[in-house]
Amino acid sequence: FPDLPKNVVYLLLFLLGVFYGAEVIVFAVGREVSPRQAAGTAVAVVNMIVSLGGFAQPVVGMLLDWHWSGEIVNNLHAYTAEDYRFALSIIPVFMAVGICLLFFLKETGCKLSKE
């Protein structure tokens, strides 16, 4: 949406920050759905999974190169807005996958696992 007003972009970026701020909740959920004996391991695994989100950066780069027209300016790849739009479209895809996975999450009622 190249013609979005600046205020709409600010609002969308603010909402993105609010929604990503909920990331810390996954640590509590990971602990709640795990047996007591595995509390430390559960939090460590959740931390590892959260850190794996960084793999998206090289994926975005690969998608940029894949969609790139081959134009070089001043010895640098010249990417268009459409190239970035294509490469960054992976973000809503990952968000949709995450939303789908939420339906498989067990509700604990904020209580620790009895196991």
C-alpha atoms as a PDB file:
ATOM      1  CA  PHE A   1       0.000   0.000   0.000  1.00  0.00           C
ATOM      2  CA  PRO A   2       2.364   2.702  -1.203  1.00  0.00           C
ATOM      3  CA  ASP A   3      -0.085   5.575  -0.652  1.00  0.00           C
ATOM      4  CA  LEU A   4      -0.898   4.960   3.012  1.00  0.00           C
ATOM      5  CA  PRO A   5      -1.064   8.165   5.016  1.00  0.00           C
ATOM      6  CA  LYS A   6       1.770   8.601   7.484  1.00  0.00           C
ATOM      7  CA  ASN A   7      -0.632   8.504  10.457  1.00  0.00           C
ATOM      8  CA  VAL A   8      -1.980   5.107   9.358  1.00  0.00           C
ATOM      9  CA  VAL A   9       1.573   3.761   9.099  1.00  0.00           C
ATOM     10  CA  TYR A  10       2.303   5.068  12.607  1.00  0.00           C
ATOM     11  CA  LEU A  11      -0.844   3.400  13.936  1.00  0.00           C
ATOM     12  CA  LEU A  12      -0.014   0.083  12.253  1.00  0.00           C
ATOM     13  CA  LEU A  13       3.547   0.133  13.600  1.00  0.00           C
ATOM     14  CA  PHE A  14       2.247   0.944  17.086  1.00  0.00           C
ATOM     15  CA  LEU A  15      -0.203  -1.966  16.914  1.00  0.00           C
ATOM     16  CA  LEU A  16       2.567  -4.246  15.681  1.00  0.00           C
ATOM     17  CA  GLY A  17       4.611  -3.334  18.752  1.00  0.00           C
ATOM     18  CA  VAL A  18       1.646  -3.956  21.047  1.00  0.00           C
ATOM     19  CA  PHE A  19       0.972  -7.363  19.520  1.00  0.00           C
ATOM     20  CA  TYR A  20       4.624  -8.398  19.570  1.00  0.00           C
ATOM     21  CA  GLY A  21       4.769  -7.289  23.202  1.00  0.00           C
ATOM     22  CA  ALA A  22       2.645 -10.308  24.051  1.00  0.00           C
ATOM     23  CA  GLU A  23       5.604 -12.534  23.164  1.00  0.00           C
ATOM     24  CA  VAL A  24       6.606 -12.752  26.828  1.00  0.00           C
ATOM     25  CA  ILE A  25       3.365 -14.605  27.560  1.00  0.00           C
ATOM     26  CA  VAL A  26       4.656 -17.660  25.685  1.00  0.00           C
ATOM     27  CA  PHE A  27       7.171 -18.275  28.474  1.00  0.00           C
ATOM     28  CA  ALA A  28       4.387 -18.504  31.065  1.00  0.00           C
ATOM     29  CA  VAL A  29       2.283 -20.692  28.783  1.00  0.00           C
ATOM     30  CA  GLY A  30       5.243 -22.980  28.099  1.00  0.00           C
ATOM     31  CA  ARG A  31       5.792 -23.374  31.822  1.00  0.00           C
ATOM     32  CA  GLU A  32       2.104 -23.930  32.581  1.00  0.00           C
ATOM     33  CA  VAL A  33       1.609 -26.738  30.060  1.00  0.00           C
ATOM     34  CA  SER A  34       4.766 -28.593  31.105  1.00  0.00           C
ATOM     35  CA  PRO A  35       5.292 -31.017  34.006  1.00  0.00           C
ATOM     36  CA  ARG A  36       6.783 -29.498  37.156  1.00  0.00           C
ATOM     37  CA  GLN A  37       9.947 -31.582  36.816  1.00  0.00           C
ATOM     38  CA  ALA A  38      10.611 -30.034  33.418  1.00  0.00           C
ATOM     39  CA  ALA A  39      10.005 -26.375  34.317  1.00  0.00           C
ATOM     40  CA  GLY A  40      13.538 -25.225  33.529  1.00  0.00           C
ATOM     41  CA  THR A  41      13.708 -27.265  30.356  1.00  0.00           C
ATOM     42  CA  ALA A  42      10.323 -25.955  29.216  1.00  0.00           C
ATOM     43  CA  VAL A  43      11.379 -22.332  29.606  1.00  0.00           C
ATOM     44  CA  ALA A  44      14.708 -23.056  27.878  1.00  0.00           C
ATOM     45  CA  VAL A  45      12.953 -24.721  24.928  1.00  0.00           C
ATOM     46  CA  VAL A  46      10.530 -21.807  24.613  1.00  0.00           C
ATOM     47  CA  ASN A  47      13.489 -19.414  24.634  1.00  0.00           C
ATOM     48  CA  MET A  48      15.190 -21.466  21.911  1.00  0.00           C
ATOM     49  CA  ILE A  49      12.039 -21.445  19.761  1.00  0.00           C
ATOM     50  CA  VAL A  50      11.637 -17.689  20.190  1.00  0.00           C
ATOM     51  CA  SER A  51      15.283 -17.222  19.187  1.00  0.00           C
ATOM     52  CA  LEU A  52      14.775 -19.360  16.099  1.00  0.00           C
ATOM     53  CA  GLY A  53      12.515 -16.619  14.772  1.00  0.00           C
ATOM     54  CA  GLY A  54      15.719 -14.985  13.551  1.00  0.00           C
ATOM     55  CA  PHE A  55      15.854 -17.546  10.746  1.00  0.00           C
ATOM     56  CA  ALA A  56      13.268 -15.397   8.944  1.00  0.00           C
ATOM     57  CA  GLN A  57      15.909 -12.760   8.175  1.00  0.00           C
ATOM     58  CA  PRO A  58      17.882 -14.948   5.749  1.00  0.00           C
ATOM     59  CA  VAL A  59      14.589 -16.187   4.284  1.00  0.00           C
ATOM     60  CA  VAL A  60      13.615 -12.585   3.534  1.00  0.00           C
ATOM     61  CA  GLY A  61      17.018 -12.090   1.891  1.00  0.00           C
ATOM     62  CA  MET A  62      16.585 -15.206  -0.232  1.00  0.00           C
ATOM     63  CA  LEU A  63      13.116 -14.080  -1.298  1.00  0.00           C
ATOM     64  CA  LEU A  64      14.508 -10.649  -2.171  1.00  0.00           C
ATOM     65  CA  ASP A  65      17.187 -12.198  -4.348  1.00  0.00           C
ATOM     66  CA  TRP A  66      14.703 -14.593  -5.919  1.00  0.00           C
ATOM     67  CA  HIS A  67      12.315 -11.769  -6.883  1.00  0.00           C
ATOM     68  CA  TRP A  68      15.125  -9.358  -7.877  1.00  0.00           C
ATOM     69  CA  SER A  69      15.110  -8.186 -11.500  1.00  0.00           C
ATOM     70  CA  GLY A  70      18.904  -8.327 -11.813  1.00  0.00           C
ATOM     71  CA  GLU A  71      19.419  -4.556 -11.930  1.00  0.00           C
ATOM     72  CA  ILE A  72      22.686  -3.331 -10.416  1.00  0.00           C
ATOM     73  CA  VAL A  73      23.307   0.323  -9.531  1.00  0.00           C
ATOM     74  CA  ASN A  74      26.707   1.484  -8.245  1.00  0.00           C
ATOM     75  CA  ASN A  75      27.792  -2.138  -7.872  1.00  0.00           C
ATOM     76  CA  LEU A  76      24.809  -2.896  -5.586  1.00  0.00           C
ATOM     77  CA  HIS A  77      21.625  -4.841  -6.145  1.00  0.00           C
ATOM     78  CA  ALA A  78      18.774  -2.438  -6.867  1.00  0.00           C
ATOM     79  CA  TYR A  79      15.611  -3.785  -5.265  1.00  0.00           C
ATOM     80  CA  THR A  80      12.210  -2.306  -6.023  1.00  0.00           C
ATOM     81  CA  ALA A  81       9.403  -1.695  -3.577  1.00  0.00           C
ATOM     82  CA  GLU A  82       7.668  -4.695  -5.136  1.00  0.00           C
ATOM     83  CA  ASP A  83      10.702  -6.867  -4.333  1.00  0.00           C
ATOM     84  CA  TYR A  84      10.491  -5.857  -0.677  1.00  0.00           C
ATOM     85  CA  ARG A  85       6.724  -6.288  -0.648  1.00  0.00           C
ATOM     86  CA  PHE A  86       7.155  -9.828  -1.977  1.00  0.00           C
ATOM     87  CA  ALA A  87       9.959 -10.739   0.442  1.00  0.00           C
ATOM     88  CA  LEU A  88       8.266  -9.295   3.523  1.00  0.00           C
ATOM     89  CA  SER A  89       4.990 -11.016   2.715  1.00  0.00           C
ATOM     90  CA  ILE A  90       6.406 -13.902   4.721  1.00  0.00           C
ATOM     91  CA  ILE A  91       5.575 -11.987   7.938  1.00  0.00           C
ATOM     92  CA  PRO A  92       1.773 -12.216   7.573  1.00  0.00           C
ATOM     93  CA  VAL A  93       2.210 -15.861   6.529  1.00  0.00           C
ATOM     94  CA  PHE A  94       4.078 -16.627   9.751  1.00  0.00           C
ATOM     95  CA  MET A  95       1.468 -14.704  11.733  1.00  0.00           C
ATOM     96  CA  ALA A  96      -1.340 -16.738  10.140  1.00  0.00           C
ATOM     97  CA  VAL A  97       0.478 -19.987  10.969  1.00  0.00           C
ATOM     98  CA  GLY A  98       0.861 -18.796  14.564  1.00  0.00           C
ATOM     99  CA  ILE A  99      -2.824 -17.972  14.824  1.00  0.00           C
ATOM    100  CA  CYS A 100      -3.728 -21.419  13.491  1.00  0.00           C
ATOM    101  CA  LEU A 101      -1.410 -23.054  16.034  1.00  0.00           C
ATOM    102  CA  LEU A 102      -3.170 -21.186  18.850  1.00  0.00           C
ATOM    103  CA  PHE A 103      -6.204 -23.403  18.380  1.00  0.00           C
ATOM    104  CA  PHE A 104      -4.128 -26.429  19.442  1.00  0.00           C
ATOM    105  CA  LEU A 105      -2.941 -24.777  22.666  1.00  0.00           C
ATOM    106  CA  LYS A 106      -4.310 -26.286  25.871  1.00  0.00           C
ATOM    107  CA  GLU A 107      -6.105 -23.823  28.180  1.00  0.00           C
ATOM    108  CA  THR A 108      -4.631 -24.037  31.671  1.00  0.00           C
ATOM    109  CA  GLY A 109      -6.629 -21.345  33.424  1.00  0.00           C
ATOM    110  CA  CYS A 110      -3.300 -19.910  34.685  1.00  0.00           C
ATOM    111  CA  LYS A 111      -2.655 -23.045  36.718  1.00  0.00           C
ATOM    112  CA  LEU A 112       0.558 -25.049  36.652  1.00  0.00           C
ATOM    113  CA  SER A 113       0.504 -28.600  35.347  1.00  0.00           C
ATOM    114  CA  LYS A 114      -0.143 -31.198  38.096  1.00  0.00           C
ATOM    115  CA  GLU A 115       2.361 -33.648  36.602  1.00  0.00           C
END
